C-alpha atoms as a PDB file:
ATOM      1  CA  UNK A   1      13.490  19.142   7.345  1.00  0.00           C
ATOM      2  CA  UNK A   2      10.618  17.396   5.629  1.00  0.00           C
ATOM      3  CA  UNK A   3       7.122  18.381   5.651  1.00  0.00           C
ATOM      4  CA  UNK A   4       6.006  15.565   8.022  1.00  0.00           C
ATOM      5  CA  UNK A   5       2.183  16.464   7.605  1.00  0.00           C
ATOM      6  CA  UNK A   6       2.451  15.917   3.853  1.00  0.00           C
ATOM      7  CA  UNK A   7       3.819  12.424   4.208  1.00  0.00           C
ATOM      8  CA  UNK A   8       1.245  11.586   6.898  1.00  0.00           C
ATOM      9  CA  UNK A   9      -1.405  12.531   4.609  1.00  0.00           C
ATOM     10  CA  UNK A  10       0.158  10.404   1.806  1.00  0.00           C
ATOM     11  CA  UNK A  11       0.215   7.579   4.219  1.00  0.00           C
ATOM     12  CA  UNK A  12      -3.509   7.932   4.987  1.00  0.00           C
ATOM     13  CA  UNK A  13      -4.302   8.135   1.519  1.00  0.00           C
ATOM     14  CA  UNK A  14      -2.220   5.009   0.358  1.00  0.00           C
ATOM     15  CA  UNK A  15      -3.931   3.034   3.193  1.00  0.00           C
ATOM     16  CA  UNK A  16      -7.275   3.542   1.387  1.00  0.00           C
ATOM     17  CA  UNK A  17      -5.977   1.861  -1.796  1.00  0.00           C
ATOM     18  CA  UNK A  18      -7.726  -1.221  -3.091  1.00  0.00           C
ATOM     19  CA  UNK A  19      -5.903  -4.187  -4.356  1.00  0.00           C
ATOM     20  CA  UNK A  20      -6.869  -3.463  -7.851  1.00  0.00           C
ATOM     21  CA  UNK A  21      -5.513  -0.111  -7.402  1.00  0.00           C
ATOM     22  CA  UNK A  22      -1.999  -1.184  -6.433  1.00  0.00           C
ATOM     23  CA  UNK A  23      -2.235  -3.711  -9.321  1.00  0.00           C
ATOM     24  CA  UNK A  24      -2.831  -0.780 -11.656  1.00  0.00           C
ATOM     25  CA  UNK A  25      -0.017   1.183 -10.132  1.00  0.00           C
ATOM     26  CA  UNK A  26       2.317  -1.692 -10.571  1.00  0.00           C
ATOM     27  CA  UNK A  27       1.184  -2.445 -14.258  1.00  0.00           C
ATOM     28  CA  UNK A  28       1.796   1.280 -15.143  1.00  0.00           C
ATOM     29  CA  UNK A  29       5.046   1.799 -13.479  1.00  0.00           C
ATOM     30  CA  UNK A  30       7.521   3.385 -15.629  1.00  0.00           C
ATOM     31  CA  UNK A  31      10.483   1.581 -14.282  1.00  0.00           C
ATOM     32  CA  UNK A  32      11.745  -1.132 -12.030  1.00  0.00           C
ATOM     33  CA  UNK A  33      12.061   0.944  -8.962  1.00  0.00           C
ATOM     34  CA  UNK A  34       8.470   2.272  -9.266  1.00  0.00           C
ATOM     35  CA  UNK A  35       7.196  -1.223  -9.847  1.00  0.00           C
ATOM     36  CA  UNK A  36       9.070  -2.588  -6.687  1.00  0.00           C
ATOM     37  CA  UNK A  37       7.645   0.450  -4.494  1.00  0.00           C
ATOM     38  CA  UNK A  38       4.123  -0.172  -5.688  1.00  0.00           C
ATOM     39  CA  UNK A  39       4.420  -3.952  -5.074  1.00  0.00           C
ATOM     40  CA  UNK A  40       5.746  -3.115  -1.648  1.00  0.00           C
ATOM     41  CA  UNK A  41       2.700  -1.066  -0.959  1.00  0.00           C
ATOM     42  CA  UNK A  42       0.318  -3.816  -2.074  1.00  0.00           C
ATOM     43  CA  UNK A  43       2.191  -6.291   0.017  1.00  0.00           C
ATOM     44  CA  UNK A  44       1.957  -4.110   3.047  1.00  0.00           C
ATOM     45  CA  UNK A  45      -1.858  -3.568   2.698  1.00  0.00           C
ATOM     46  CA  UNK A  46      -2.338  -7.124   2.130  1.00  0.00           C
ATOM     47  CA  UNK A  47      -0.323  -7.971   5.252  1.00  0.00           C
ATOM     48  CA  UNK A  48      -2.497  -5.357   7.207  1.00  0.00           C
ATOM     49  CA  UNK A  49      -5.724  -7.080   5.972  1.00  0.00           C
ATOM     50  CA  UNK A  50      -4.384 -10.617   6.802  1.00  0.00           C
ATOM     51  CA  UNK A  51      -3.329  -9.408  10.307  1.00  0.00           C
ATOM     52  CA  UNK A  52      -6.943  -8.033  10.926  1.00  0.00           C
ATOM     53  CA  UNK A  53      -8.552 -11.383   9.804  1.00  0.00           C
ATOM     54  CA  UNK A  54      -6.356 -13.380  12.027  1.00  0.00           C
ATOM     55  CA  UNK A  55      -6.969 -10.915  15.051  1.00  0.00           C
ATOM     56  CA  UNK A  56     -10.684 -11.193  14.544  1.00  0.00           C
ATOM     57  CA  UNK A  57     -10.248 -14.932  14.466  1.00  0.00           C
ATOM     58  CA  UNK A  58     -12.049 -15.103  10.999  1.00  0.00           C
ATOM     59  CA  UNK A  59      -9.329 -17.474   9.591  1.00  0.00           C
END
């Protein structure tokens, strides 16, 4: 069984990343898999911000 709390803590930390942080992670990735992973993280965070803007009717 995995350490659920460890991954929940990671999720909370990842949610606080700024776009420039995810860009840096992508640029410093050591292989295609890491790059794809951090691109997905960046896209997820962007989608969350877009959803918030739409819900608040700011767009």
